[in-house]
N, C-alpha and C. Protein backbone atom coordinates (compact mmCIF):
# COMPACT_ATOMS: atom_id res chain seq x y z
N MET A 1 116.44 -69.87 -38.70
CA MET A 1 116.54 -70.86 -37.63
C MET A 1 115.94 -70.12 -36.36
N VAL A 2 116.35 -68.75 -36.19
CA VAL A 2 115.88 -68.04 -35.06
C VAL A 2 114.40 -67.79 -35.10
N ARG A 3 113.83 -67.55 -36.19
CA ARG A 3 112.70 -67.23 -36.58
C ARG A 3 111.79 -68.31 -36.08
N SER A 4 112.13 -69.61 -36.71
CA SER A 4 111.60 -71.05 -36.26
C SER A 4 111.49 -71.11 -34.83
N LEU A 5 112.58 -70.91 -34.12
CA LEU A 5 112.57 -71.18 -32.68
C LEU A 5 111.54 -70.45 -31.96
N LYS A 6 111.42 -69.00 -32.53
CA LYS A 6 110.45 -68.12 -31.68
C LYS A 6 108.93 -68.64 -32.02
N VAL A 7 108.69 -69.17 -33.37
CA VAL A 7 107.41 -69.88 -33.42
C VAL A 7 107.28 -70.87 -32.59
N ILE A 8 108.13 -71.80 -32.35
CA ILE A 8 107.97 -72.80 -31.65
C ILE A 8 107.76 -72.60 -30.27
N GLY A 9 108.49 -71.43 -29.82
CA GLY A 9 108.27 -71.06 -28.40
C GLY A 9 106.97 -70.53 -28.28
N ALA A 10 106.07 -69.74 -29.30
CA ALA A 10 105.00 -69.11 -29.05
C ALA A 10 103.94 -70.07 -29.20
N VAL A 11 104.15 -71.17 -29.95
CA VAL A 11 103.21 -72.43 -29.89
C VAL A 11 103.14 -72.97 -28.63
N LEU A 12 104.30 -73.19 -28.10
CA LEU A 12 104.43 -73.99 -26.66
C LEU A 12 103.77 -73.06 -25.60
N SER A 13 103.89 -71.79 -25.54
CA SER A 13 103.39 -70.91 -24.62
C SER A 13 101.87 -70.98 -24.65
N ILE A 14 101.23 -70.85 -26.02
CA ILE A 14 99.94 -71.04 -26.10
C ILE A 14 99.26 -72.26 -25.52
N VAL A 15 100.08 -73.43 -25.87
CA VAL A 15 99.57 -74.66 -25.46
C VAL A 15 99.54 -74.75 -23.97
N ALA A 16 100.66 -74.40 -23.22
CA ALA A 16 100.67 -74.33 -21.80
C ALA A 16 99.64 -73.39 -21.18
N GLY A 17 99.47 -72.48 -21.84
CA GLY A 17 98.42 -71.66 -21.13
C GLY A 17 96.92 -72.02 -21.28
N ALA A 18 96.64 -72.81 -22.35
CA ALA A 18 95.41 -73.51 -22.62
C ALA A 18 95.39 -74.74 -21.56
N ALA A 19 96.39 -75.40 -21.30
CA ALA A 19 96.44 -76.52 -20.33
C ALA A 19 96.17 -75.93 -19.03
N SER A 20 96.80 -74.83 -18.84
CA SER A 20 96.44 -74.35 -17.36
C SER A 20 94.98 -73.77 -17.10
N ALA A 21 94.56 -73.50 -18.27
CA ALA A 21 93.14 -72.77 -18.13
C ALA A 21 92.05 -73.90 -17.82
N LEU A 22 92.45 -75.29 -18.20
CA LEU A 22 91.66 -76.16 -18.18
C LEU A 22 91.72 -76.87 -16.43
N THR A 23 92.59 -76.49 -15.78
CA THR A 23 92.86 -77.22 -14.60
C THR A 23 91.85 -76.51 -13.47
N VAL A 24 91.57 -77.24 -12.42
CA VAL A 24 90.50 -76.77 -11.37
C VAL A 24 91.48 -75.84 -10.45
N SER A 25 90.84 -74.75 -10.20
CA SER A 25 91.71 -73.72 -9.43
C SER A 25 91.04 -73.24 -8.21
N THR A 26 89.79 -73.35 -8.08
CA THR A 26 89.20 -72.76 -7.05
C THR A 26 88.79 -73.91 -5.96
N PRO A 27 88.68 -73.51 -4.65
CA PRO A 27 88.42 -74.55 -3.48
C PRO A 27 87.20 -75.23 -3.85
N ALA A 28 86.03 -74.50 -4.36
CA ALA A 28 84.82 -75.02 -4.33
C ALA A 28 84.75 -76.06 -5.52
N GLN A 29 85.63 -75.76 -6.61
CA GLN A 29 85.62 -76.81 -7.60
C GLN A 29 86.43 -78.01 -7.39
N ARG A 30 87.64 -77.81 -6.58
CA ARG A 30 88.20 -78.76 -6.08
C ARG A 30 87.53 -79.85 -5.05
N ALA A 31 86.50 -79.36 -4.42
CA ALA A 31 85.54 -80.06 -3.54
C ALA A 31 84.68 -80.99 -4.46
N LEU A 32 84.46 -80.41 -5.74
CA LEU A 32 83.39 -81.30 -6.49
C LEU A 32 84.41 -82.48 -6.90
N SER A 33 85.49 -82.38 -7.16
CA SER A 33 86.33 -83.45 -7.76
C SER A 33 86.66 -84.56 -6.80
N SER A 34 86.71 -85.64 -7.28
CA SER A 34 86.93 -87.02 -6.35
C SER A 34 87.48 -88.04 -7.30
N THR A 35 88.42 -88.78 -6.50
CA THR A 35 89.11 -89.93 -7.29
C THR A 35 88.51 -91.21 -6.80
N GLY A 36 88.18 -91.92 -7.89
CA GLY A 36 87.45 -93.30 -7.48
C GLY A 36 88.63 -94.36 -7.79
N PRO A 37 88.16 -95.62 -7.85
CA PRO A 37 89.22 -96.73 -7.98
C PRO A 37 89.79 -96.64 -9.69
N TRP A 38 89.06 -95.85 -10.42
CA TRP A 38 89.82 -95.79 -11.78
C TRP A 38 90.20 -94.24 -11.94
N GLY A 39 90.48 -93.49 -11.04
CA GLY A 39 90.95 -91.99 -11.25
C GLY A 39 89.71 -90.99 -11.27
N THR A 40 90.10 -89.77 -11.88
CA THR A 40 89.12 -88.61 -11.86
C THR A 40 88.59 -88.67 -13.29
N VAL A 41 87.42 -87.96 -13.39
CA VAL A 41 86.87 -87.96 -14.72
C VAL A 41 86.57 -86.17 -14.68
N GLU A 42 86.87 -85.65 -15.70
CA GLU A 42 86.68 -84.29 -15.80
C GLU A 42 86.00 -84.00 -17.14
N GLU A 43 84.93 -83.17 -17.00
CA GLU A 43 84.14 -82.66 -18.03
C GLU A 43 84.24 -80.83 -18.08
N ILE A 44 83.88 -80.42 -19.07
CA ILE A 44 83.56 -79.07 -19.23
C ILE A 44 82.26 -78.70 -19.31
N ARG A 45 81.74 -78.03 -18.00
CA ARG A 45 80.31 -77.66 -18.28
C ARG A 45 80.17 -76.17 -18.06
N ARG A 46 78.98 -75.60 -18.32
CA ARG A 46 78.77 -74.30 -17.95
C ARG A 46 78.31 -74.37 -16.48
N VAL A 47 79.07 -73.37 -15.82
CA VAL A 47 78.93 -73.23 -14.27
C VAL A 47 77.46 -72.43 -14.20
N PRO A 48 76.56 -72.70 -13.35
CA PRO A 48 75.42 -71.98 -13.47
C PRO A 48 75.51 -70.62 -12.79
N SER A 49 76.38 -70.51 -11.82
CA SER A 49 76.44 -69.21 -11.04
C SER A 49 77.21 -68.20 -11.85
N THR A 50 78.17 -68.35 -12.71
CA THR A 50 78.97 -67.62 -13.56
C THR A 50 78.56 -67.37 -14.92
N GLY A 51 77.96 -68.57 -15.45
CA GLY A 51 77.57 -68.47 -16.93
C GLY A 51 78.81 -68.59 -17.82
N VAL A 52 79.90 -69.08 -17.21
CA VAL A 52 81.13 -69.35 -18.04
C VAL A 52 81.40 -70.77 -18.15
N ASP A 53 82.02 -71.33 -19.17
CA ASP A 53 82.23 -72.90 -19.31
C ASP A 53 83.44 -72.94 -18.40
N ALA A 54 83.50 -73.86 -17.64
CA ALA A 54 84.62 -74.18 -16.72
C ALA A 54 84.63 -75.63 -16.50
N PRO A 55 86.00 -76.18 -16.30
CA PRO A 55 85.86 -77.70 -16.01
C PRO A 55 85.26 -78.09 -14.62
N VAL A 56 84.34 -79.00 -14.65
CA VAL A 56 84.06 -79.64 -13.56
C VAL A 56 84.07 -81.04 -13.37
N ARG A 57 84.53 -81.52 -12.16
CA ARG A 57 84.71 -82.89 -12.02
C ARG A 57 83.49 -83.46 -11.32
N ASP A 58 82.90 -84.69 -12.08
CA ASP A 58 81.89 -85.29 -11.35
C ASP A 58 82.27 -86.70 -10.72
N ASN A 59 81.54 -87.18 -9.60
CA ASN A 59 81.81 -88.33 -9.19
C ASN A 59 81.28 -89.42 -10.21
N LEU A 60 82.26 -90.30 -10.71
CA LEU A 60 81.84 -91.31 -11.68
C LEU A 60 81.97 -92.67 -10.96
N VAL A 61 80.96 -93.45 -10.79
CA VAL A 61 80.94 -94.57 -10.39
C VAL A 61 80.91 -95.52 -11.36
N MET A 62 81.86 -96.56 -11.44
CA MET A 62 81.83 -97.59 -12.36
C MET A 62 81.56 -98.98 -11.74
N MET A 63 80.67 -99.66 -12.17
CA MET A 63 80.31 -100.90 -11.63
C MET A 63 81.35 -101.99 -12.09
N PRO A 64 81.61 -103.15 -11.26
CA PRO A 64 82.46 -104.05 -11.63
C PRO A 64 81.73 -104.90 -12.69
N ALA A 65 82.54 -105.67 -13.42
CA ALA A 65 81.98 -106.47 -14.77
C ALA A 65 81.08 -107.55 -14.25
N THR A 66 81.24 -108.23 -13.28
CA THR A 66 80.27 -109.14 -12.53
C THR A 66 79.69 -108.66 -11.26
N LEU A 67 78.55 -108.93 -11.11
CA LEU A 67 77.78 -108.54 -9.95
C LEU A 67 77.96 -109.61 -8.87
N GLU A 68 77.97 -109.31 -7.60
CA GLU A 68 78.21 -110.14 -6.54
C GLU A 68 76.78 -110.44 -6.08
N ARG A 69 76.55 -111.78 -5.97
CA ARG A 69 74.96 -112.33 -5.53
C ARG A 69 75.37 -112.79 -4.20
N THR A 70 74.30 -112.75 -3.39
CA THR A 70 74.09 -113.12 -2.08
C THR A 70 73.86 -114.68 -2.15
N PRO A 71 74.65 -115.60 -1.53
CA PRO A 71 74.27 -117.03 -1.47
C PRO A 71 72.89 -117.10 -1.16
N ILE A 72 72.48 -118.21 -1.79
CA ILE A 72 70.97 -118.66 -1.50
C ILE A 72 71.30 -119.76 -0.51
N LYS A 73 70.31 -119.73 0.62
CA LYS A 73 70.33 -120.86 1.44
C LYS A 73 69.45 -121.90 1.15
N THR A 74 70.19 -123.15 1.16
CA THR A 74 69.43 -124.28 0.68
C THR A 74 68.84 -125.13 1.74
N ARG A 75 69.28 -124.71 2.99
CA ARG A 75 68.61 -125.55 4.22
C ARG A 75 68.88 -126.88 4.18
N GLY A 76 70.25 -127.39 3.67
CA GLY A 76 70.51 -128.93 3.57
C GLY A 76 70.11 -129.63 2.49
N ALA A 77 69.32 -129.00 1.62
CA ALA A 77 68.69 -129.77 0.49
C ALA A 77 69.62 -129.68 -0.54
N GLY A 78 69.82 -130.52 -1.37
CA GLY A 78 70.44 -130.68 -2.66
C GLY A 78 69.83 -130.36 -3.92
N PRO A 79 70.37 -130.39 -5.10
CA PRO A 79 69.82 -129.96 -6.18
C PRO A 79 68.50 -130.90 -6.34
N ALA A 80 67.54 -130.39 -7.12
CA ALA A 80 66.23 -130.94 -7.38
C ALA A 80 66.42 -131.80 -8.76
N VAL A 81 65.68 -133.02 -8.52
CA VAL A 81 66.09 -133.77 -9.87
C VAL A 81 64.63 -134.29 -10.27
N LEU A 82 64.37 -133.80 -11.39
CA LEU A 82 62.97 -133.92 -12.09
C LEU A 82 62.95 -135.23 -12.95
N ASP A 83 61.86 -135.88 -12.81
CA ASP A 83 61.61 -136.91 -13.78
C ASP A 83 61.25 -136.63 -15.21
N ARG A 84 61.50 -137.28 -16.24
CA ARG A 84 61.05 -136.97 -17.61
C ARG A 84 59.62 -137.41 -17.66
N PRO A 85 58.72 -136.47 -18.12
CA PRO A 85 57.53 -137.05 -18.39
C PRO A 85 57.10 -138.17 -19.33
N ALA A 86 56.29 -138.87 -19.02
CA ALA A 86 56.05 -140.14 -19.77
C ALA A 86 55.27 -139.59 -21.09
N VAL A 87 55.61 -139.98 -22.22
CA VAL A 87 55.14 -139.71 -23.53
C VAL A 87 54.81 -140.91 -24.27
N GLU A 88 53.57 -141.04 -24.65
CA GLU A 88 53.14 -142.25 -25.45
C GLU A 88 53.84 -142.03 -26.92
N LYS A 89 54.46 -143.13 -27.36
CA LYS A 89 55.03 -142.91 -28.69
C LYS A 89 53.87 -143.65 -29.55
N LYS A 90 53.63 -142.91 -30.75
CA LYS A 90 52.72 -143.30 -31.80
C LYS A 90 53.49 -143.64 -33.02
N GLN A 91 52.96 -144.87 -33.59
CA GLN A 91 53.83 -145.32 -34.73
C GLN A 91 53.44 -144.55 -35.88
N ASN A 92 54.36 -143.85 -36.58
CA ASN A 92 54.21 -142.91 -37.52
C ASN A 92 54.42 -143.43 -38.90
N LYS A 93 53.33 -143.71 -39.49
CA LYS A 93 53.35 -144.73 -40.84
C LYS A 93 54.05 -143.95 -42.09
N ALA A 94 54.09 -142.61 -42.04
CA ALA A 94 54.54 -141.85 -42.96
C ALA A 94 56.26 -142.05 -42.70
N ALA A 95 56.84 -142.16 -41.59
CA ALA A 95 58.24 -142.36 -41.45
C ALA A 95 58.77 -143.75 -41.76
N ALA A 96 57.67 -144.73 -41.66
CA ALA A 96 57.93 -146.20 -41.83
C ALA A 96 58.09 -146.21 -43.45
N LYS A 97 57.09 -145.58 -44.26
CA LYS A 97 57.23 -145.34 -45.81
C LYS A 97 58.39 -144.80 -46.25
N GLU A 98 58.82 -143.69 -45.57
CA GLU A 98 60.05 -142.89 -45.97
C GLU A 98 61.12 -143.96 -46.00
N LYS A 99 61.42 -144.49 -44.81
CA LYS A 99 62.44 -145.53 -44.61
C LYS A 99 62.38 -146.64 -45.69
N GLU A 100 61.08 -147.10 -46.02
CA GLU A 100 60.98 -148.11 -47.16
C GLU A 100 61.51 -147.56 -48.67
N ARG A 101 61.01 -146.33 -48.55
CA ARG A 101 61.27 -145.62 -50.01
C ARG A 101 62.98 -145.30 -50.10
N THR A 102 63.55 -144.91 -48.98
CA THR A 102 64.85 -144.71 -49.02
C THR A 102 65.80 -146.02 -48.88
N GLY A 103 65.09 -146.94 -48.12
CA GLY A 103 65.79 -148.26 -47.95
C GLY A 103 67.11 -147.88 -47.34
N SER A 104 67.15 -147.07 -46.19
CA SER A 104 68.36 -146.70 -45.76
C SER A 104 69.56 -147.77 -45.27
N GLU A 105 69.10 -149.13 -45.48
CA GLU A 105 70.05 -150.15 -45.26
C GLU A 105 71.35 -150.16 -46.25
N ALA A 106 70.82 -150.31 -47.28
CA ALA A 106 72.00 -150.68 -48.55
C ALA A 106 71.52 -150.24 -49.79
N TRP A 107 72.26 -149.49 -50.64
CA TRP A 107 72.25 -149.10 -51.96
C TRP A 107 73.31 -149.44 -52.58
N GLU A 108 73.02 -149.92 -54.14
CA GLU A 108 74.00 -150.42 -54.99
C GLU A 108 74.40 -149.13 -56.12
N VAL A 109 75.53 -148.71 -56.12
CA VAL A 109 75.77 -147.55 -57.22
C VAL A 109 76.43 -148.59 -58.40
N ARG A 110 75.85 -148.28 -59.59
CA ARG A 110 76.30 -149.35 -60.67
C ARG A 110 76.62 -148.13 -61.80
N ILE A 111 77.73 -148.83 -62.64
CA ILE A 111 78.13 -148.12 -63.81
C ILE A 111 77.73 -148.68 -64.99
N TYR A 112 77.71 -148.04 -66.16
CA TYR A 112 77.30 -148.73 -67.38
C TYR A 112 78.48 -148.39 -68.34
N ASN A 113 78.41 -149.23 -69.50
CA ASN A 113 79.49 -149.04 -70.42
C ASN A 113 78.94 -147.91 -71.42
N ASP A 114 79.74 -146.96 -71.76
CA ASP A 114 79.28 -146.02 -72.62
C ASP A 114 80.43 -145.61 -73.63
N GLY A 115 80.03 -145.28 -74.83
CA GLY A 115 81.05 -144.88 -75.88
C GLY A 115 81.62 -143.64 -75.74
N MET A 116 81.37 -142.85 -74.69
CA MET A 116 81.85 -141.33 -74.57
C MET A 116 83.18 -141.40 -73.72
N ASN A 117 83.02 -141.92 -72.79
CA ASN A 117 84.36 -141.90 -71.85
C ASN A 117 85.23 -143.21 -72.04
N THR A 118 86.63 -142.81 -71.91
CA THR A 118 87.74 -143.83 -71.95
C THR A 118 87.42 -144.50 -70.79
N ARG A 119 88.13 -145.89 -71.10
CA ARG A 119 88.33 -146.77 -69.98
C ARG A 119 89.23 -146.11 -68.80
N GLU A 120 90.49 -145.49 -69.13
CA GLU A 120 91.35 -144.93 -68.13
C GLU A 120 90.57 -143.74 -67.41
N PHE A 121 89.62 -143.03 -68.17
CA PHE A 121 88.93 -141.86 -67.32
C PHE A 121 88.05 -142.52 -66.35
N VAL A 122 87.23 -143.61 -66.73
CA VAL A 122 86.31 -144.15 -65.99
C VAL A 122 87.00 -144.81 -64.59
N ALA A 123 88.21 -145.39 -64.79
CA ALA A 123 88.81 -146.25 -63.69
C ALA A 123 89.39 -144.80 -62.76
N ARG A 124 89.72 -143.81 -63.44
CA ARG A 124 90.52 -142.68 -62.64
C ARG A 124 89.31 -142.01 -61.72
N CYS A 125 88.28 -141.81 -62.35
CA CYS A 125 87.15 -141.22 -61.63
C CYS A 125 86.75 -142.17 -60.55
N LEU A 126 86.60 -143.43 -60.62
CA LEU A 126 86.22 -144.43 -59.59
C LEU A 126 87.12 -144.26 -58.53
N VAL A 127 88.36 -144.08 -58.65
CA VAL A 127 89.43 -144.04 -57.78
C VAL A 127 89.29 -142.71 -57.01
N GLN A 128 89.11 -141.66 -57.66
CA GLN A 128 88.98 -140.34 -56.98
C GLN A 128 87.70 -140.19 -56.15
N VAL A 129 86.72 -140.58 -56.71
CA VAL A 129 85.33 -140.44 -56.03
C VAL A 129 85.12 -141.47 -54.94
N THR A 130 85.24 -142.73 -55.28
CA THR A 130 84.96 -143.89 -54.41
C THR A 130 85.88 -144.36 -53.55
N SER A 131 87.15 -143.78 -53.67
CA SER A 131 88.38 -144.39 -53.07
C SER A 131 88.66 -145.75 -53.14
N LEU A 132 88.13 -146.42 -54.22
CA LEU A 132 88.60 -147.70 -54.65
C LEU A 132 90.13 -147.81 -55.08
N SER A 133 90.82 -149.01 -54.73
CA SER A 133 92.16 -149.09 -55.19
C SER A 133 92.15 -149.16 -56.51
N GLU A 134 93.43 -148.78 -57.36
CA GLU A 134 93.54 -148.75 -58.71
C GLU A 134 93.06 -150.07 -59.35
N MET A 135 93.53 -151.22 -58.61
CA MET A 135 93.00 -152.59 -59.18
C MET A 135 91.60 -152.89 -59.12
N GLU A 136 90.93 -152.22 -57.94
CA GLU A 136 89.62 -152.54 -57.95
C GLU A 136 88.80 -151.63 -58.91
N ALA A 137 89.38 -150.42 -58.97
CA ALA A 137 88.61 -149.53 -60.10
C ALA A 137 88.85 -150.14 -61.55
N TYR A 138 89.99 -150.72 -61.87
CA TYR A 138 89.98 -151.20 -63.07
C TYR A 138 89.35 -152.55 -63.32
N GLN A 139 89.29 -153.22 -62.30
CA GLN A 139 88.32 -154.47 -62.51
C GLN A 139 86.72 -154.21 -62.84
N THR A 140 86.59 -153.15 -61.99
CA THR A 140 84.93 -152.54 -62.11
C THR A 140 84.81 -151.86 -63.37
N MET A 141 85.73 -151.26 -63.91
CA MET A 141 85.64 -150.52 -65.15
C MET A 141 85.51 -151.62 -66.32
N MET A 142 86.48 -152.67 -66.26
CA MET A 142 86.28 -153.78 -67.19
C MET A 142 85.12 -154.57 -67.30
N GLN A 143 84.65 -154.85 -66.12
CA GLN A 143 83.38 -155.48 -65.94
C GLN A 143 82.25 -154.80 -66.67
N ALA A 144 82.26 -153.46 -66.61
CA ALA A 144 81.19 -152.67 -67.06
C ALA A 144 81.51 -152.62 -68.65
N HIS A 145 82.66 -152.59 -69.07
CA HIS A 145 83.04 -152.60 -70.52
C HIS A 145 82.78 -154.01 -71.17
N GLN A 146 82.89 -154.96 -70.47
CA GLN A 146 82.65 -156.34 -71.12
C GLN A 146 81.35 -156.80 -70.91
N HIS A 147 80.47 -156.32 -69.97
CA HIS A 147 79.14 -156.93 -69.67
C HIS A 147 78.10 -155.90 -69.76
N GLY A 148 78.66 -154.64 -69.88
CA GLY A 148 77.67 -153.36 -70.02
C GLY A 148 77.08 -153.09 -68.63
N LEU A 149 77.56 -153.54 -67.49
CA LEU A 149 76.99 -153.14 -66.26
C LEU A 149 78.12 -153.66 -65.27
N ALA A 150 78.24 -152.62 -64.29
CA ALA A 150 79.14 -153.14 -63.33
C ALA A 150 78.75 -152.40 -61.74
N VAL A 151 78.82 -153.17 -60.68
CA VAL A 151 78.54 -152.82 -59.50
C VAL A 151 79.65 -152.01 -58.90
N VAL A 152 79.55 -150.87 -58.51
CA VAL A 152 80.78 -150.08 -57.59
C VAL A 152 80.90 -150.56 -56.30
N GLY A 153 79.67 -150.66 -55.73
CA GLY A 153 79.55 -150.96 -54.35
C GLY A 153 78.29 -150.93 -53.80
N ARG A 154 78.26 -151.30 -52.45
CA ARG A 154 77.11 -151.19 -51.63
C ARG A 154 77.32 -150.27 -50.58
N TYR A 155 76.31 -149.37 -50.29
CA TYR A 155 76.52 -148.04 -49.30
C TYR A 155 75.28 -147.79 -48.71
N MET A 156 75.44 -146.98 -47.67
CA MET A 156 74.24 -146.53 -46.93
C MET A 156 73.72 -145.55 -47.99
N PHE A 157 72.52 -145.02 -47.95
CA PHE A 157 71.78 -144.10 -48.76
C PHE A 157 72.56 -142.92 -48.88
N GLU A 158 73.01 -142.20 -47.94
CA GLU A 158 73.67 -140.94 -48.07
C GLU A 158 75.10 -141.05 -49.06
N ARG A 159 75.84 -142.05 -48.63
CA ARG A 159 76.93 -142.13 -49.23
C ARG A 159 76.99 -142.63 -50.66
N ALA A 160 75.80 -143.63 -50.92
CA ALA A 160 75.53 -144.00 -52.24
C ALA A 160 75.20 -142.63 -53.18
N GLU A 161 74.13 -141.67 -52.54
CA GLU A 161 73.59 -140.50 -53.31
C GLU A 161 75.01 -139.72 -53.65
N MET A 162 75.90 -139.59 -52.59
CA MET A 162 76.98 -138.80 -52.86
C MET A 162 77.81 -139.31 -53.89
N TYR A 163 78.22 -140.65 -53.93
CA TYR A 163 79.02 -141.26 -55.02
C TYR A 163 78.27 -141.12 -56.39
N TYR A 164 77.01 -141.37 -56.42
CA TYR A 164 76.16 -141.13 -57.62
C TYR A 164 76.16 -139.77 -58.10
N ASP A 165 76.09 -138.81 -57.38
CA ASP A 165 76.10 -137.54 -57.77
C ASP A 165 77.55 -137.09 -58.43
N ALA A 166 78.59 -137.48 -57.61
CA ALA A 166 79.63 -137.10 -57.97
C ALA A 166 80.31 -137.86 -59.42
N LEU A 167 79.79 -139.04 -59.57
CA LEU A 167 80.08 -139.91 -60.70
C LEU A 167 79.40 -139.23 -61.93
N LYS A 168 78.14 -138.89 -61.60
CA LYS A 168 77.21 -138.27 -62.63
C LYS A 168 77.95 -136.95 -63.16
N SER A 169 78.24 -136.01 -62.22
CA SER A 169 78.96 -134.75 -62.47
C SER A 169 80.16 -134.81 -63.41
N LYS A 170 81.01 -136.03 -63.18
CA LYS A 170 81.98 -136.38 -64.20
C LYS A 170 81.71 -136.80 -65.35
N GLY A 171 80.42 -137.11 -65.70
CA GLY A 171 79.86 -137.62 -66.91
C GLY A 171 79.93 -139.03 -67.05
N ILE A 172 80.17 -139.90 -65.93
CA ILE A 172 79.95 -141.20 -66.10
C ILE A 172 78.59 -141.80 -66.03
N VAL A 173 78.01 -142.70 -66.79
CA VAL A 173 76.66 -143.03 -66.92
C VAL A 173 76.74 -144.13 -65.64
N CYS A 174 75.69 -143.83 -64.78
CA CYS A 174 75.52 -144.51 -63.44
C CYS A 174 74.09 -144.36 -62.98
N ASP A 175 73.83 -145.23 -61.95
CA ASP A 175 72.72 -145.07 -61.40
C ASP A 175 72.84 -145.79 -59.87
N MET A 176 71.89 -145.61 -59.05
CA MET A 176 71.92 -146.27 -57.90
C MET A 176 70.39 -146.89 -57.54
N VAL A 177 70.35 -148.12 -56.93
CA VAL A 177 69.29 -148.87 -56.79
C VAL A 177 69.29 -149.34 -55.42
N PRO A 178 68.20 -149.46 -54.79
CA PRO A 178 68.01 -150.16 -53.52
C PRO A 178 68.49 -151.77 -53.63
N VAL A 179 68.85 -152.49 -52.70
CA VAL A 179 69.38 -153.71 -52.57
C VAL A 179 68.41 -154.41 -51.87
N ASP A 180 67.77 -155.29 -52.53
CA ASP A 180 66.90 -156.38 -51.87
C ASP A 180 67.68 -156.97 -50.98
N GLU A 181 67.27 -157.33 -49.67
CA GLU A 181 68.10 -158.16 -48.63
C GLU A 181 67.85 -159.70 -49.03
N ASP A 182 66.73 -159.99 -49.68
CA ASP A 182 66.37 -161.32 -49.91
C ASP A 182 67.30 -162.13 -50.92
N ARG A 183 68.03 -161.30 -51.92
CA ARG A 183 68.84 -161.84 -52.84
C ARG A 183 70.27 -162.46 -52.35
């Protein structure tokens, strides 16, 4: 016990001696130290006159996070408003053909009767994918079962494509066709 206290005392005296060796002790070195708004910064450098490593304090100037700008004089004028430049619009025939091809107005998703899927499975898939009520899904499934074909619904192109892909991934035989507005 006494031996460990002696060791602890020796270690503390070494640490205290090392800490006192790093402090600024000469008046010339004290003149080099300064305190800014964030305190002092201390570095250990080789002092050129003695050739010995000693702590030297440098003036450290830290800039604020935002710079202050001088206000701009507008001389009574407000903000400038620019007019949009006139651009001639050209009819793009490719875009019109794309719209005709996708027929983005209305598409029908249709299911067919198949011998692979049970009627209950088809009705459950219709409820899960297209959010039809159970009664509507059952009636659609029965129409496909009895007549070989049933229209699930009319949707915009993106939604019809989404329903078609989801039903197809579940193994339901289906297709999607553009709706003729003349019918």
